[in-house]
Amino acid sequence: MFANARQAYDSAKKATGSSRELESAALFKAARMLEECKANWDAPDRDARLRLALVHNQRLWTFFQSELARPDHEMSAELRVDLLRLSAFIDRRSFDLLAHPDPDKLQALVDINRQIASGLASTPES
């Protein structure tokens, strides 16, 4: 499963020319999925949609974790550690939401995804 995700990521990266753009788009999509769950909290299929959104988000962040853990990653060690800590929070919050669904707890995940996505979407200074 992870090998297929990695191949898809590498292929898309080559096609788009920018992993930052791809990562940003993926985070925005995950944020939208989580927001839709919050907006439709009383829908009859809420549990299934919430699980799908949380699992999607967690897979995305698991991919980021594996990339950030690479010793040859080009990002500074300090920033990598900060992002890995953030991803640990996302894991804890996701598991908590799966066990105890609460629409208010979704907002932190949405905000984190949107902020990181916005940072990735901006042009880095040279």
PDB file of N, CA and C in Angstrom:
ATOM      1  N   MET A   1       0.824  -1.183   0.000  1.00  0.00           N
ATOM      2  CA  MET A   1       0.000   0.000   0.000  1.00  0.00           C
ATOM      3  C   MET A   1       0.875   1.255   0.000  1.00  0.00           C
ATOM      4  N   PHE A   2       1.886   1.312   0.891  1.00  0.00           N
ATOM      5  CA  PHE A   2       2.747   2.480   0.974  1.00  0.00           C
ATOM      6  C   PHE A   2       3.567   2.646  -0.297  1.00  0.00           C
ATOM      7  N   ALA A   3       3.980   1.523  -0.889  1.00  0.00           N
ATOM      8  CA  ALA A   3       4.761   1.597  -2.121  1.00  0.00           C
ATOM      9  C   ALA A   3       3.932   2.243  -3.233  1.00  0.00           C
ATOM     10  N   ASN A   4       2.667   1.882  -3.327  1.00  0.00           N
ATOM     11  CA  ASN A   4       1.795   2.477  -4.340  1.00  0.00           C
ATOM     12  C   ASN A   4       1.610   3.971  -4.099  1.00  0.00           C
ATOM     13  N   ALA A   5       1.438   4.357  -2.845  1.00  0.00           N
ATOM     14  CA  ALA A   5       1.292   5.778  -2.524  1.00  0.00           C
ATOM     15  C   ALA A   5       2.561   6.532  -2.884  1.00  0.00           C
ATOM     16  N   ARG A   6       3.690   5.928  -2.597  1.00  0.00           N
ATOM     17  CA  ARG A   6       4.978   6.558  -2.914  1.00  0.00           C
ATOM     18  C   ARG A   6       5.148   6.707  -4.430  1.00  0.00           C
ATOM     19  N   GLN A   7       4.790   5.677  -5.177  1.00  0.00           N
ATOM     20  CA  GLN A   7       4.887   5.739  -6.641  1.00  0.00           C
ATOM     21  C   GLN A   7       3.967   6.816  -7.197  1.00  0.00           C
ATOM     22  N   ALA A   8       2.751   6.894  -6.657  1.00  0.00           N
ATOM     23  CA  ALA A   8       1.807   7.914  -7.118  1.00  0.00           C
ATOM     24  C   ALA A   8       2.335   9.306  -6.806  1.00  0.00           C
ATOM     25  N   TYR A   9       2.901   9.468  -5.625  1.00  0.00           N
ATOM     26  CA  TYR A   9       3.458  10.763  -5.234  1.00  0.00           C
ATOM     27  C   TYR A   9       4.603  11.146  -6.161  1.00  0.00           C
ATOM     28  N   ASP A  10       5.514  10.204  -6.400  1.00  0.00           N
ATOM     29  CA  ASP A  10       6.661  10.485  -7.275  1.00  0.00           C
ATOM     30  C   ASP A  10       6.213  10.812  -8.693  1.00  0.00           C
ATOM     31  N   SER A  11       5.222  10.089  -9.192  1.00  0.00           N
ATOM     32  CA  SER A  11       4.719  10.352 -10.540  1.00  0.00           C
ATOM     33  C   SER A  11       4.073  11.729 -10.626  1.00  0.00           C
ATOM     34  N   ALA A  12       3.253  12.045  -9.638  1.00  0.00           N
ATOM     35  CA  ALA A  12       2.599  13.350  -9.633  1.00  0.00           C
ATOM     36  C   ALA A  12       3.614  14.465  -9.460  1.00  0.00           C
ATOM     37  N   LYS A  13       4.624  14.211  -8.665  1.00  0.00           N
ATOM     38  CA  LYS A  13       5.673  15.212  -8.446  1.00  0.00           C
ATOM     39  C   LYS A  13       6.374  15.539  -9.759  1.00  0.00           C
ATOM     40  N   LYS A  14       6.657  14.508 -10.550  1.00  0.00           N
ATOM     41  CA  LYS A  14       7.290  14.720 -11.851  1.00  0.00           C
ATOM     42  C   LYS A  14       6.350  15.482 -12.787  1.00  0.00           C
ATOM     43  N   ALA A  15       5.076  15.138 -12.732  1.00  0.00           N
ATOM     44  CA  ALA A  15       4.099  15.769 -13.627  1.00  0.00           C
ATOM     45  C   ALA A  15       3.867  17.235 -13.271  1.00  0.00           C
ATOM     46  N   THR A  16       3.809  17.547 -11.970  1.00  0.00           N
ATOM     47  CA  THR A  16       3.537  18.922 -11.559  1.00  0.00           C
ATOM     48  C   THR A  16       4.810  19.747 -11.464  1.00  0.00           C
ATOM     49  N   GLY A  17       5.924  19.078 -11.265  1.00  0.00           N
ATOM     50  CA  GLY A  17       7.178  19.798 -11.141  1.00  0.00           C
ATOM     51  C   GLY A  17       7.395  20.375  -9.760  1.00  0.00           C
ATOM     52  N   SER A  18       6.449  20.247  -8.866  1.00  0.00           N
ATOM     53  CA  SER A  18       6.614  20.827  -7.541  1.00  0.00           C
ATOM     54  C   SER A  18       5.953  19.966  -6.480  1.00  0.00           C
ATOM     55  N   SER A  19       6.775  19.399  -5.611  1.00  0.00           N
ATOM     56  CA  SER A  19       6.203  18.612  -4.519  1.00  0.00           C
ATOM     57  C   SER A  19       5.474  19.522  -3.535  1.00  0.00           C
ATOM     58  N   ARG A  20       5.922  20.773  -3.422  1.00  0.00           N
ATOM     59  CA  ARG A  20       5.252  21.721  -2.531  1.00  0.00           C
ATOM     60  C   ARG A  20       3.808  21.940  -2.981  1.00  0.00           C
ATOM     61  N   GLU A  21       3.592  22.093  -4.275  1.00  0.00           N
ATOM     62  CA  GLU A  21       2.240  22.296  -4.798  1.00  0.00           C
ATOM     63  C   GLU A  21       1.372  21.071  -4.539  1.00  0.00           C
ATOM     64  N   LEU A  22       1.941  19.913  -4.747  1.00  0.00           N
ATOM     65  CA  LEU A  22       1.209  18.668  -4.535  1.00  0.00           C
ATOM     66  C   LEU A  22       0.843  18.499  -3.064  1.00  0.00           C
ATOM     67  N   GLU A  23       1.804  18.744  -2.185  1.00  0.00           N
ATOM     68  CA  GLU A  23       1.555  18.617  -0.757  1.00  0.00           C
ATOM     69  C   GLU A  23       0.508  19.639  -0.295  1.00  0.00           C
ATOM     70  N   SER A  24       0.602  20.856  -0.806  1.00  0.00           N
ATOM     71  CA  SER A  24      -0.357  21.895  -0.469  1.00  0.00           C
ATOM     72  C   SER A  24      -1.769  21.490  -0.897  1.00  0.00           C
ATOM     73  N   ALA A  25      -1.906  21.014  -2.114  1.00  0.00           N
ATOM     74  CA  ALA A  25      -3.218  20.595  -2.619  1.00  0.00           C
ATOM     75  C   ALA A  25      -3.779  19.437  -1.792  1.00  0.00           C
ATOM     76  N   ALA A  26      -2.929  18.504  -1.412  1.00  0.00           N
ATOM     77  CA  ALA A  26      -3.383  17.363  -0.612  1.00  0.00           C
ATOM     78  C   ALA A  26      -3.863  17.817   0.768  1.00  0.00           C
ATOM     79  N   LEU A  27      -3.150  18.766   1.369  1.00  0.00           N
ATOM     80  CA  LEU A  27      -3.563  19.278   2.676  1.00  0.00           C
ATOM     81  C   LEU A  27      -4.867  20.072   2.587  1.00  0.00           C
ATOM     82  N   PHE A  28      -5.015  20.871   1.538  1.00  0.00           N
ATOM     83  CA  PHE A  28      -6.268  21.601   1.348  1.00  0.00           C
ATOM     84  C   PHE A  28      -7.432  20.626   1.163  1.00  0.00           C
ATOM     85  N   LYS A  29      -7.217  19.562   0.411  1.00  0.00           N
ATOM     86  CA  LYS A  29      -8.278  18.571   0.204  1.00  0.00           C
ATOM     87  C   LYS A  29      -8.660  17.916   1.532  1.00  0.00           C
ATOM     88  N   ALA A  30      -7.678  17.532   2.321  1.00  0.00           N
ATOM     89  CA  ALA A  30      -7.957  16.911   3.624  1.00  0.00           C
ATOM     90  C   ALA A  30      -8.719  17.879   4.526  1.00  0.00           C
ATOM     91  N   ALA A  31      -8.323  19.154   4.503  1.00  0.00           N
ATOM     92  CA  ALA A  31      -9.026  20.164   5.308  1.00  0.00           C
ATOM     93  C   ALA A  31     -10.480  20.277   4.872  1.00  0.00           C
ATOM     94  N   ARG A  32     -10.722  20.283   3.563  1.00  0.00           N
ATOM     95  CA  ARG A  32     -12.102  20.367   3.052  1.00  0.00           C
ATOM     96  C   ARG A  32     -12.932  19.160   3.502  1.00  0.00           C
ATOM     97  N   MET A  33     -12.343  17.979   3.449  1.00  0.00           N
ATOM     98  CA  MET A  33     -13.064  16.779   3.876  1.00  0.00           C
ATOM     99  C   MET A  33     -13.458  16.886   5.352  1.00  0.00           C
ATOM    100  N   LEU A  34     -12.537  17.360   6.177  1.00  0.00           N
ATOM    101  CA  LEU A  34     -12.816  17.515   7.602  1.00  0.00           C
ATOM    102  C   LEU A  34     -13.870  18.595   7.840  1.00  0.00           C
ATOM    103  N   GLU A  35     -13.772  19.692   7.111  1.00  0.00           N
ATOM    104  CA  GLU A  35     -14.757  20.774   7.231  1.00  0.00           C
ATOM    105  C   GLU A  35     -16.152  20.310   6.832  1.00  0.00           C
ATOM    106  N   GLU A  36     -16.238  19.508   5.787  1.00  0.00           N
ATOM    107  CA  GLU A  36     -17.540  18.990   5.353  1.00  0.00           C
ATOM    108  C   GLU A  36     -18.163  18.118   6.429  1.00  0.00           C
ATOM    109  N   CYS A  37     -17.339  17.363   7.126  1.00  0.00           N
ATOM    110  CA  CYS A  37     -17.861  16.551   8.233  1.00  0.00           C
ATOM    111  C   CYS A  37     -18.427  17.441   9.328  1.00  0.00           C
ATOM    112  N   LYS A  38     -17.693  18.496   9.651  1.00  0.00           N
ATOM    113  CA  LYS A  38     -18.149  19.408  10.698  1.00  0.00           C
ATOM    114  C   LYS A  38     -19.431  20.121  10.280  1.00  0.00           C
ATOM    115  N   ALA A  39     -19.487  20.557   9.035  1.00  0.00           N
ATOM    116  CA  ALA A  39     -20.655  21.286   8.540  1.00  0.00           C
ATOM    117  C   ALA A  39     -21.895  20.404   8.464  1.00  0.00           C
ATOM    118  N   ASN A  40     -21.714  19.109   8.277  1.00  0.00           N
ATOM    119  CA  ASN A  40     -22.833  18.162   8.148  1.00  0.00           C
ATOM    120  C   ASN A  40     -22.824  17.154   9.296  1.00  0.00           C
ATOM    121  N   TRP A  41     -22.576  17.658  10.486  1.00  0.00           N
ATOM    122  CA  TRP A  41     -22.390  16.787  11.644  1.00  0.00           C
ATOM    123  C   TRP A  41     -23.601  15.900  11.923  1.00  0.00           C
ATOM    124  N   ASP A  42     -24.783  16.384  11.654  1.00  0.00           N
ATOM    125  CA  ASP A  42     -25.986  15.610  11.961  1.00  0.00           C
ATOM    126  C   ASP A  42     -26.437  14.701  10.817  1.00  0.00           C
ATOM    127  N   ALA A  43     -25.641  14.600   9.767  1.00  0.00           N
ATOM    128  CA  ALA A  43     -26.001  13.737   8.632  1.00  0.00           C
ATOM    129  C   ALA A  43     -25.997  12.268   9.079  1.00  0.00           C
ATOM    130  N   PRO A  44     -26.870  11.477   8.492  1.00  0.00           N
ATOM    131  CA  PRO A  44     -26.954  10.070   8.899  1.00  0.00           C
ATOM    132  C   PRO A  44     -25.680   9.271   8.616  1.00  0.00           C
ATOM    133  N   ASP A  45     -24.905   9.692   7.641  1.00  0.00           N
ATOM    134  CA  ASP A  45     -23.678   8.966   7.303  1.00  0.00           C
ATOM    135  C   ASP A  45     -22.426   9.610   7.916  1.00  0.00           C
ATOM    136  N   ARG A  46     -22.649  10.435   8.960  1.00  0.00           N
ATOM    137  CA  ARG A  46     -21.547  11.163   9.569  1.00  0.00           C
ATOM    138  C   ARG A  46     -20.389  10.273  10.001  1.00  0.00           C
ATOM    139  N   ASP A  47     -20.669   9.174  10.672  1.00  0.00           N
ATOM    140  CA  ASP A  47     -19.594   8.330  11.185  1.00  0.00           C
ATOM    141  C   ASP A  47     -18.703   7.805  10.061  1.00  0.00           C
ATOM    142  N   ALA A  48     -19.315   7.386   8.982  1.00  0.00           N
ATOM    143  CA  ALA A  48     -18.534   6.867   7.849  1.00  0.00           C
ATOM    144  C   ALA A  48     -17.723   7.981   7.194  1.00  0.00           C
ATOM    145  N   ARG A  49     -18.329   9.145   7.021  1.00  0.00           N
ATOM    146  CA  ARG A  49     -17.624  10.277   6.398  1.00  0.00           C
ATOM    147  C   ARG A  49     -16.514  10.796   7.303  1.00  0.00           C
ATOM    148  N   LEU A  50     -16.766  10.820   8.600  1.00  0.00           N
ATOM    149  CA  LEU A  50     -15.745  11.264   9.543  1.00  0.00           C
ATOM    150  C   LEU A  50     -14.559  10.308   9.532  1.00  0.00           C
ATOM    151  N   ARG A  51     -14.865   9.037   9.564  1.00  0.00           N
ATOM    152  CA  ARG A  51     -13.782   8.037   9.537  1.00  0.00           C
ATOM    153  C   ARG A  51     -12.965   8.177   8.248  1.00  0.00           C
ATOM    154  N   LEU A  52     -13.641   8.315   7.126  1.00  0.00           N
ATOM    155  CA  LEU A  52     -12.956   8.469   5.847  1.00  0.00           C
ATOM    156  C   LEU A  52     -12.059   9.707   5.850  1.00  0.00           C
ATOM    157  N   ALA A  53     -12.572  10.825   6.342  1.00  0.00           N
ATOM    158  CA  ALA A  53     -11.794  12.065   6.375  1.00  0.00           C
ATOM    159  C   ALA A  53     -10.595  11.950   7.317  1.00  0.00           C
ATOM    160  N   LEU A  54     -10.814  11.361   8.478  1.00  0.00           N
ATOM    161  CA  LEU A  54      -9.720  11.219   9.444  1.00  0.00           C
ATOM    162  C   LEU A  54      -8.645  10.253   8.947  1.00  0.00           C
ATOM    163  N   VAL A  55      -9.068   9.152   8.368  1.00  0.00           N
ATOM    164  CA  VAL A  55      -8.097   8.182   7.838  1.00  0.00           C
ATOM    165  C   VAL A  55      -7.315   8.804   6.675  1.00  0.00           C
ATOM    166  N   HIS A  56      -8.003   9.525   5.816  1.00  0.00           N
ATOM    167  CA  HIS A  56      -7.330  10.198   4.700  1.00  0.00           C
ATOM    168  C   HIS A  56      -6.280  11.178   5.232  1.00  0.00           C
ATOM    169  N   ASN A  57      -6.681  11.990   6.190  1.00  0.00           N
ATOM    170  CA  ASN A  57      -5.770  12.969   6.773  1.00  0.00           C
ATOM    171  C   ASN A  57      -4.582  12.286   7.456  1.00  0.00           C
ATOM    172  N   GLN A  58      -4.870  11.241   8.177  1.00  0.00           N
ATOM    173  CA  GLN A  58      -3.789  10.549   8.900  1.00  0.00           C
ATOM    174  C   GLN A  58      -2.823   9.871   7.938  1.00  0.00           C
ATOM    175  N   ARG A  59      -3.306   9.309   6.860  1.00  0.00           N
ATOM    176  CA  ARG A  59      -2.403   8.716   5.856  1.00  0.00           C
ATOM    177  C   ARG A  59      -1.504   9.776   5.244  1.00  0.00           C
ATOM    178  N   LEU A  60      -2.066  10.920   4.978  1.00  0.00           N
ATOM    179  CA  LEU A  60      -1.291  12.022   4.431  1.00  0.00           C
ATOM    180  C   LEU A  60      -0.181  12.415   5.398  1.00  0.00           C
ATOM    181  N   TRP A  61      -0.531  12.587   6.658  1.00  0.00           N
ATOM    182  CA  TRP A  61       0.474  12.975   7.645  1.00  0.00           C
ATOM    183  C   TRP A  61       1.462  11.851   7.938  1.00  0.00           C
ATOM    184  N   THR A  62       1.054  10.611   7.800  1.00  0.00           N
ATOM    185  CA  THR A  62       1.989   9.492   7.953  1.00  0.00           C
ATOM    186  C   THR A  62       3.029   9.528   6.840  1.00  0.00           C
ATOM    187  N   PHE A  63       2.590   9.878   5.645  1.00  0.00           N
ATOM    188  CA  PHE A  63       3.534  10.042   4.542  1.00  0.00           C
ATOM    189  C   PHE A  63       4.522  11.162   4.867  1.00  0.00           C
ATOM    190  N   PHE A  64       4.007  12.291   5.364  1.00  0.00           N
ATOM    191  CA  PHE A  64       4.893  13.393   5.736  1.00  0.00           C
ATOM    192  C   PHE A  64       5.886  12.947   6.805  1.00  0.00           C
ATOM    193  N   GLN A  65       5.407  12.179   7.781  1.00  0.00           N
ATOM    194  CA  GLN A  65       6.296  11.689   8.832  1.00  0.00           C
ATOM    195  C   GLN A  65       7.438  10.863   8.254  1.00  0.00           C
ATOM    196  N   SER A  66       7.113   9.978   7.334  1.00  0.00           N
ATOM    197  CA  SER A  66       8.161   9.131   6.757  1.00  0.00           C
ATOM    198  C   SER A  66       9.159   9.964   5.960  1.00  0.00           C
ATOM    199  N   GLU A  67       8.683  10.973   5.267  1.00  0.00           N
ATOM    200  CA  GLU A  67       9.581  11.855   4.515  1.00  0.00           C
ATOM    201  C   GLU A  67      10.448  12.688   5.452  1.00  0.00           C
ATOM    202  N   LEU A  68       9.836  13.238   6.491  1.00  0.00           N
ATOM    203  CA  LEU A  68      10.566  14.094   7.428  1.00  0.00           C
ATOM    204  C   LEU A  68      11.593  13.316   8.241  1.00  0.00           C
ATOM    205  N   ALA A  69      11.374  12.031   8.411  1.00  0.00           N
ATOM    206  CA  ALA A  69      12.295  11.204   9.192  1.00  0.00           C
ATOM    207  C   ALA A  69      13.542  10.788   8.407  1.00  0.00           C
ATOM    208  N   ARG A  70      13.526  11.022   7.106  1.00  0.00           N
ATOM    209  CA  ARG A  70      14.703  10.664   6.293  1.00  0.00           C
ATOM    210  C   ARG A  70      15.901  11.500   6.739  1.00  0.00           C
ATOM    211  N   PRO A  71      17.035  10.859   6.989  1.00  0.00           N
ATOM    212  CA  PRO A  71      18.208  11.623   7.418  1.00  0.00           C
ATOM    213  C   PRO A  71      18.738  12.568   6.331  1.00  0.00           C
ATOM    214  N   ASP A  72      18.450  12.281   5.080  1.00  0.00           N
ATOM    215  CA  ASP A  72      18.945  13.128   3.987  1.00  0.00           C
ATOM    216  C   ASP A  72      17.921  14.171   3.541  1.00  0.00           C
ATOM    217  N   HIS A  73      16.864  14.369   4.334  1.00  0.00           N
ATOM    218  CA  HIS A  73      15.843  15.353   3.972  1.00  0.00           C
ATOM    219  C   HIS A  73      16.475  16.736   3.954  1.00  0.00           C
ATOM    220  N   GLU A  74      16.089  17.541   2.954  1.00  0.00           N
ATOM    221  CA  GLU A  74      16.712  18.848   2.749  1.00  0.00           C
ATOM    222  C   GLU A  74      16.274  19.912   3.754  1.00  0.00           C
ATOM    223  N   MET A  75      15.193  19.692   4.483  1.00  0.00           N
ATOM    224  CA  MET A  75      14.687  20.658   5.451  1.00  0.00           C
ATOM    225  C   MET A  75      15.596  20.691   6.686  1.00  0.00           C
ATOM    226  N   SER A  76      15.646  21.828   7.329  1.00  0.00           N
ATOM    227  CA  SER A  76      16.472  21.941   8.541  1.00  0.00           C
ATOM    228  C   SER A  76      15.963  20.964   9.605  1.00  0.00           C
ATOM    229  N   ALA A  77      16.890  20.484  10.417  1.00  0.00           N
ATOM    230  CA  ALA A  77      16.545  19.518  11.459  1.00  0.00           C
ATOM    231  C   ALA A  77      15.530  20.102  12.442  1.00  0.00           C
ATOM    232  N   GLU A  78      15.677  21.364  12.772  1.00  0.00           N
ATOM    233  CA  GLU A  78      14.774  22.007  13.726  1.00  0.00           C
ATOM    234  C   GLU A  78      13.336  22.050  13.197  1.00  0.00           C
ATOM    235  N   LEU A  79      13.180  22.437  11.952  1.00  0.00           N
ATOM    236  CA  LEU A  79      11.849  22.493  11.354  1.00  0.00           C
ATOM    237  C   LEU A  79      11.258  21.088  11.207  1.00  0.00           C
ATOM    238  N   ARG A  80      12.097  20.131  10.845  1.00  0.00           N
ATOM    239  CA  ARG A  80      11.614  18.744  10.734  1.00  0.00           C
ATOM    240  C   ARG A  80      11.092  18.248  12.073  1.00  0.00           C
ATOM    241  N   VAL A  81      11.816  18.521  13.149  1.00  0.00           N
ATOM    242  CA  VAL A  81      11.381  18.090  14.481  1.00  0.00           C
ATOM    243  C   VAL A  81      10.056  18.756  14.848  1.00  0.00           C
ATOM    244  N   ASP A  82       9.929  20.039  14.555  1.00  0.00           N
ATOM    245  CA  ASP A  82       8.673  20.747  14.846  1.00  0.00           C
ATOM    246  C   ASP A  82       7.507  20.124  14.087  1.00  0.00           C
ATOM    247  N   LEU A  83       7.717  19.813  12.818  1.00  0.00           N
ATOM    248  CA  LEU A  83       6.648  19.203  12.018  1.00  0.00           C
ATOM    249  C   LEU A  83       6.338  17.786  12.476  1.00  0.00           C
ATOM    250  N   LEU A  84       7.347  17.055  12.910  1.00  0.00           N
ATOM    251  CA  LEU A  84       7.104  15.707  13.438  1.00  0.00           C
ATOM    252  C   LEU A  84       6.306  15.775  14.741  1.00  0.00           C
ATOM    253  N   ARG A  85       6.583  16.758  15.562  1.00  0.00           N
ATOM    254  CA  ARG A  85       5.789  16.943  16.788  1.00  0.00           C
ATOM    255  C   ARG A  85       4.343  17.299  16.447  1.00  0.00           C
ATOM    256  N   LEU A  86       4.181  18.148  15.463  1.00  0.00           N
ATOM    257  CA  LEU A  86       2.844  18.520  15.009  1.00  0.00           C
ATOM    258  C   LEU A  86       2.108  17.287  14.482  1.00  0.00           C
ATOM    259  N   SER A  87       2.802  16.447  13.749  1.00  0.00           N
ATOM    260  CA  SER A  87       2.164  15.239  13.220  1.00  0.00           C
ATOM    261  C   SER A  87       1.781  14.277  14.340  1.00  0.00           C
ATOM    262  N   ALA A  88       2.543  14.270  15.429  1.00  0.00           N
ATOM    263  CA  ALA A  88       2.184  13.435  16.580  1.00  0.00           C
ATOM    264  C   ALA A  88       0.890  13.945  17.210  1.00  0.00           C
ATOM    265  N   PHE A  89       0.729  15.271  17.276  1.00  0.00           N
ATOM    266  CA  PHE A  89      -0.523  15.844  17.756  1.00  0.00           C
ATOM    267  C   PHE A  89      -1.678  15.427  16.849  1.00  0.00           C
ATOM    268  N   ILE A  90      -1.461  15.476  15.553  1.00  0.00           N
ATOM    269  CA  ILE A  90      -2.507  15.103  14.595  1.00  0.00           C
ATOM    270  C   ILE A  90      -2.905  13.648  14.796  1.00  0.00           C
ATOM    271  N   ASP A  91      -1.931  12.784  15.022  1.00  0.00           N
ATOM    272  CA  ASP A  91      -2.238  11.374  15.304  1.00  0.00           C
ATOM    273  C   ASP A  91      -3.111  11.248  16.554  1.00  0.00           C
ATOM    274  N   ARG A  92      -2.697  11.908  17.632  1.00  0.00           N
ATOM    275  CA  ARG A  92      -3.453  11.819  18.889  1.00  0.00           C
ATOM    276  C   ARG A  92      -4.872  12.358  18.722  1.00  0.00           C
ATOM    277  N   ARG A  93      -4.998  13.502  18.063  1.00  0.00           N
ATOM    278  CA  ARG A  93      -6.319  14.108  17.879  1.00  0.00           C
ATOM    279  C   ARG A  93      -7.198  13.214  17.004  1.00  0.00           C
ATOM    280  N   SER A  94      -6.616  12.630  15.971  1.00  0.00           N
ATOM    281  CA  SER A  94      -7.387  11.753  15.074  1.00  0.00           C
ATOM    282  C   SER A  94      -7.912  10.532  15.817  1.00  0.00           C
ATOM    283  N   PHE A  95      -7.045   9.901  16.608  1.00  0.00           N
ATOM    284  CA  PHE A  95      -7.482   8.729  17.374  1.00  0.00           C
ATOM    285  C   PHE A  95      -8.560   9.116  18.388  1.00  0.00           C
ATOM    286  N   ASP A  96      -8.399  10.274  19.007  1.00  0.00           N
ATOM    287  CA  ASP A  96      -9.392  10.759  19.954  1.00  0.00           C
ATOM    288  C   ASP A  96     -10.734  10.984  19.261  1.00  0.00           C
ATOM    289  N   LEU A  97     -10.696  11.585  18.072  1.00  0.00           N
ATOM    290  CA  LEU A  97     -11.936  11.836  17.324  1.00  0.00           C
ATOM    291  C   LEU A  97     -12.605  10.546  16.861  1.00  0.00           C
ATOM    292  N   LEU A  98     -11.808   9.551  16.528  1.00  0.00           N
ATOM    293  CA  LEU A  98     -12.394   8.270  16.135  1.00  0.00           C
ATOM    294  C   LEU A  98     -13.110   7.623  17.321  1.00  0.00           C
ATOM    295  N   ALA A  99     -12.524   7.759  18.503  1.00  0.00           N
ATOM    296  CA  ALA A  99     -13.112   7.155  19.694  1.00  0.00           C
ATOM    297  C   ALA A  99     -14.247   8.007  20.277  1.00  0.00           C
ATOM    298  N   HIS A 100     -14.093   9.331  20.206  1.00  0.00           N
ATOM    299  CA  HIS A 100     -15.057  10.257  20.817  1.00  0.00           C
ATOM    300  C   HIS A 100     -15.337  11.395  19.846  1.00  0.00           C
ATOM    301  N   PRO A 101     -16.177  11.158  18.845  1.00  0.00           N
ATOM    302  CA  PRO A 101     -16.456  12.198  17.848  1.00  0.00           C
ATOM    303  C   PRO A 101     -16.981  13.486  18.488  1.00  0.00           C
ATOM    304  N   ASP A 102     -16.412  14.601  18.046  1.00  0.00           N
ATOM    305  CA  ASP A 102     -16.794  15.914  18.557  1.00  0.00           C
ATOM    306  C   ASP A 102     -16.475  16.933  17.466  1.00  0.00           C
ATOM    307  N   PRO A 103     -17.486  17.633  16.947  1.00  0.00           N
ATOM    308  CA  PRO A 103     -17.229  18.547  15.835  1.00  0.00           C
ATOM    309  C   PRO A 103     -16.249  19.672  16.181  1.00  0.00           C
ATOM    310  N   ASP A 104     -16.235  20.097  17.437  1.00  0.00           N
ATOM    311  CA  ASP A 104     -15.331  21.182  17.824  1.00  0.00           C
ATOM    312  C   ASP A 104     -13.862  20.774  17.763  1.00  0.00           C
ATOM    313  N   LYS A 105     -13.595  19.504  17.966  1.00  0.00           N
ATOM    314  CA  LYS A 105     -12.208  19.017  17.928  1.00  0.00           C
ATOM    315  C   LYS A 105     -11.652  18.937  16.508  1.00  0.00           C
ATOM    316  N   LEU A 106     -12.527  18.979  15.519  1.00  0.00           N
ATOM    317  CA  LEU A 106     -12.078  18.925  14.126  1.00  0.00           C
ATOM    318  C   LEU A 106     -11.363  20.203  13.699  1.00  0.00           C
ATOM    319  N   GLN A 107     -11.735  21.308  14.282  1.00  0.00           N
ATOM    320  CA  GLN A 107     -11.223  22.598  13.817  1.00  0.00           C
ATOM    321  C   GLN A 107      -9.702  22.692  13.899  1.00  0.00           C
ATOM    322  N   ALA A 108      -9.099  22.125  14.917  1.00  0.00           N
ATOM    323  CA  ALA A 108      -7.633  22.178  15.041  1.00  0.00           C
ATOM    324  C   ALA A 108      -6.965  21.495  13.851  1.00  0.00           C
ATOM    325  N   LEU A 109      -7.510  20.356  13.432  1.00  0.00           N
ATOM    326  CA  LEU A 109      -6.938  19.643  12.282  1.00  0.00           C
ATOM    327  C   LEU A 109      -7.111  20.460  11.004  1.00  0.00           C
ATOM    328  N   VAL A 110      -8.279  21.051  10.850  1.00  0.00           N
ATOM    329  CA  VAL A 110      -8.543  21.897   9.672  1.00  0.00           C
ATOM    330  C   VAL A 110      -7.568  23.066   9.646  1.00  0.00           C
ATOM    331  N   ASP A 111      -7.415  23.737  10.774  1.00  0.00           N
ATOM    332  CA  ASP A 111      -6.539  24.909  10.847  1.00  0.00           C
ATOM    333  C   ASP A 111      -5.081  24.546  10.554  1.00  0.00           C
ATOM    334  N   ILE A 112      -4.623  23.454  11.122  1.00  0.00           N
ATOM    335  CA  ILE A 112      -3.237  23.020  10.887  1.00  0.00           C
ATOM    336  C   ILE A 112      -3.030  22.725   9.410  1.00  0.00           C
ATOM    337  N   ASN A 113      -3.929  21.956   8.819  1.00  0.00           N
ATOM    338  CA  ASN A 113      -3.789  21.614   7.402  1.00  0.00           C
ATOM    339  C   ASN A 113      -3.775  22.864   6.532  1.00  0.00           C
ATOM    340  N   ARG A 114      -4.695  23.777   6.808  1.00  0.00           N
ATOM    341  CA  ARG A 114      -4.774  25.009   5.996  1.00  0.00           C
ATOM    342  C   ARG A 114      -3.525  25.877   6.167  1.00  0.00           C
ATOM    343  N   GLN A 115      -3.016  25.992   7.369  1.00  0.00           N
ATOM    344  CA  GLN A 115      -1.832  26.824   7.593  1.00  0.00           C
ATOM    345  C   GLN A 115      -0.595  26.228   6.921  1.00  0.00           C
ATOM    346  N   ILE A 116      -0.413  24.927   7.057  1.00  0.00           N
ATOM    347  CA  ILE A 116       0.736  24.282   6.417  1.00  0.00           C
ATOM    348  C   ILE A 116       0.583  24.346   4.899  1.00  0.00           C
ATOM    349  N   ALA A 117      -0.628  24.096   4.407  1.00  0.00           N
ATOM    350  CA  ALA A 117      -0.877  24.159   2.955  1.00  0.00           C
ATOM    351  C   ALA A 117      -0.601  25.553   2.407  1.00  0.00           C
ATOM    352  N   SER A 118      -1.021  26.572   3.133  1.00  0.00           N
ATOM    353  CA  SER A 118      -0.778  27.947   2.686  1.00  0.00           C
ATOM    354  C   SER A 118       0.710  28.246   2.643  1.00  0.00           C
ATOM    355  N   GLY A 119       1.431  27.756   3.630  1.00  0.00           N
ATOM    356  CA  GLY A 119       2.885  27.946   3.631  1.00  0.00           C
ATOM    357  C   GLY A 119       3.557  27.249   2.472  1.00  0.00           C
ATOM    358  N   LEU A 120       3.091  26.066   2.152  1.00  0.00           N
ATOM    359  CA  LEU A 120       3.660  25.327   1.015  1.00  0.00           C
ATOM    360  C   LEU A 120       3.292  25.978  -0.302  1.00  0.00           C
ATOM    361  N   ALA A 121       2.122  26.591  -0.366  1.00  0.00           N
ATOM    362  CA  ALA A 121       1.655  27.200  -1.614  1.00  0.00           C
ATOM    363  C   ALA A 121       2.383  28.506  -1.923  1.00  0.00           C
ATOM    364  N   SER A 122       2.906  29.155  -0.879  1.00  0.00           N
ATOM    365  CA  SER A 122       3.614  30.416  -1.112  1.00  0.00           C
ATOM    366  C   SER A 122       4.996  30.143  -1.701  1.00  0.00           C
ATOM    367  N   THR A 123       5.500  31.094  -2.441  1.00  0.00           N
ATOM    368  CA  THR A 123       6.808  30.955  -3.061  1.00  0.00           C
ATOM    369  C   THR A 123       7.881  31.186  -2.016  1.00  0.00           C
ATOM    370  N   PRO A 124       8.799  30.219  -1.843  1.00  0.00           N
ATOM    371  CA  PRO A 124       9.847  30.416  -0.858  1.00  0.00           C
ATOM    372  C   PRO A 124      10.794  31.535  -1.274  1.00  0.00           C
ATOM    373  N   GLU A 125      11.274  32.273  -0.278  1.00  0.00           N
ATOM    374  CA  GLU A 125      12.230  33.345  -0.571  1.00  0.00           C
ATOM    375  C   GLU A 125      13.581  32.751  -0.916  1.00  0.00           C
ATOM    376  N   SER A 126      14.253  33.363  -1.870  1.00  0.00           N
ATOM    377  CA  SER A 126      15.571  32.865  -2.296  1.00  0.00           C
ATOM    378  C   SER A 126      16.661  33.480  -1.472  1.00  0.00           C
TER     379      SER A 126
END
